[in-house]
Protein backbone atom coordinates (compact mmCIF):
# COMPACT_ATOMS: atom_id res chain seq x y z
CA UNK A 1 -32.75 13.43 -14.02
CA UNK A 2 -36.48 11.85 -13.77
CA UNK A 3 -36.85 10.31 -16.69
CA UNK A 4 -35.14 7.44 -18.90
CA UNK A 5 -34.58 3.66 -18.67
CA UNK A 6 -31.95 4.16 -15.49
CA UNK A 7 -34.53 6.26 -13.45
CA UNK A 8 -34.87 5.03 -9.66
CA UNK A 9 -32.02 2.72 -10.23
CA UNK A 10 -29.02 1.73 -8.84
CA UNK A 11 -26.18 1.29 -10.83
CA UNK A 12 -22.62 -0.69 -10.68
CA UNK A 13 -20.26 -0.14 -13.13
CA UNK A 14 -17.41 -2.08 -14.47
CA UNK A 15 -14.74 -1.91 -16.55
CA UNK A 16 -15.01 2.34 -16.50
CA UNK A 17 -12.28 3.73 -18.83
CA UNK A 18 -10.69 6.99 -17.30
CA UNK A 19 -8.10 7.85 -19.77
CA UNK A 20 -7.34 6.58 -23.20
CA UNK A 21 -3.73 7.44 -24.87
CA UNK A 22 -2.64 6.43 -28.51
CA UNK A 23 1.00 5.75 -29.61
CA UNK A 24 2.40 5.25 -33.03
CA UNK A 25 5.32 3.00 -32.98
CA UNK A 26 5.86 3.38 -36.79
CA UNK A 27 7.79 6.66 -36.23
CA UNK A 28 10.30 5.27 -33.80
CA UNK A 29 11.52 1.78 -34.87
CA UNK A 30 8.30 -0.12 -33.53
CA UNK A 31 8.67 1.64 -30.12
CA UNK A 32 6.76 3.43 -28.10
CA UNK A 33 6.41 4.94 -24.77
CA UNK A 34 3.21 5.90 -22.78
CA UNK A 35 3.62 7.49 -19.23
CA UNK A 36 0.19 7.57 -17.12
CA UNK A 37 -0.65 9.33 -14.05
CA UNK A 38 -2.83 7.55 -11.26
CA UNK A 39 -5.45 9.85 -10.37
CA UNK A 40 -5.20 11.12 -6.71
CA UNK A 41 -7.71 9.21 -4.79
CA UNK A 42 -8.59 6.45 -7.22
CA UNK A 43 -8.25 2.73 -5.35
CA UNK A 44 -5.59 1.09 -7.29
CA UNK A 45 -6.74 -2.21 -5.78
CA UNK A 46 -9.11 -2.52 -8.30
CA UNK A 47 -7.56 -0.73 -10.98
CA UNK A 48 -6.30 -2.62 -14.40
CA UNK A 49 -4.03 -0.77 -17.27
CA UNK A 50 -4.88 -2.59 -20.44
CA UNK A 51 -2.57 -2.41 -23.50
CA UNK A 52 -2.95 -3.64 -26.99
CA UNK A 53 -1.57 -3.36 -30.76
CA UNK A 54 -3.96 -3.03 -33.27
CA UNK A 55 -3.49 -3.53 -37.21
CA UNK A 56 -4.56 -0.41 -39.49
CA UNK A 57 -7.29 -2.12 -40.40
CA UNK A 58 -8.61 -2.42 -36.76
CA UNK A 59 -7.60 -6.15 -35.68
CA UNK A 60 -6.33 -6.38 -32.38
CA UNK A 61 -3.13 -8.29 -32.88
CA UNK A 62 -1.44 -8.42 -29.01
CA UNK A 63 -2.92 -7.26 -25.71
CA UNK A 64 -1.90 -7.21 -21.97
CA UNK A 65 -3.48 -6.40 -18.89
CA UNK A 66 -1.17 -4.87 -15.46
CA UNK A 67 -2.83 -4.59 -11.85
CA UNK A 68 -0.72 -1.45 -10.45
CA UNK A 69 -2.27 -2.13 -7.18
CA UNK A 70 -1.53 -6.22 -7.12
CA UNK A 71 2.08 -6.79 -5.87
């Protein structure tokens, strides 16, 4: 690309979403399970998995973060 606001700049990205999954626990007595596969070559030292519960209207009512690379 030879034009644009980022032309010639080195960008440092954080919080990049690699995958997004949805579950509807209303069909399973309020429970859901989602399995995620970590892509090969991904450095898990800087990785987080974010999960959140959201009301139908969009309000987030709970959230959690897990860092798989941290023991």
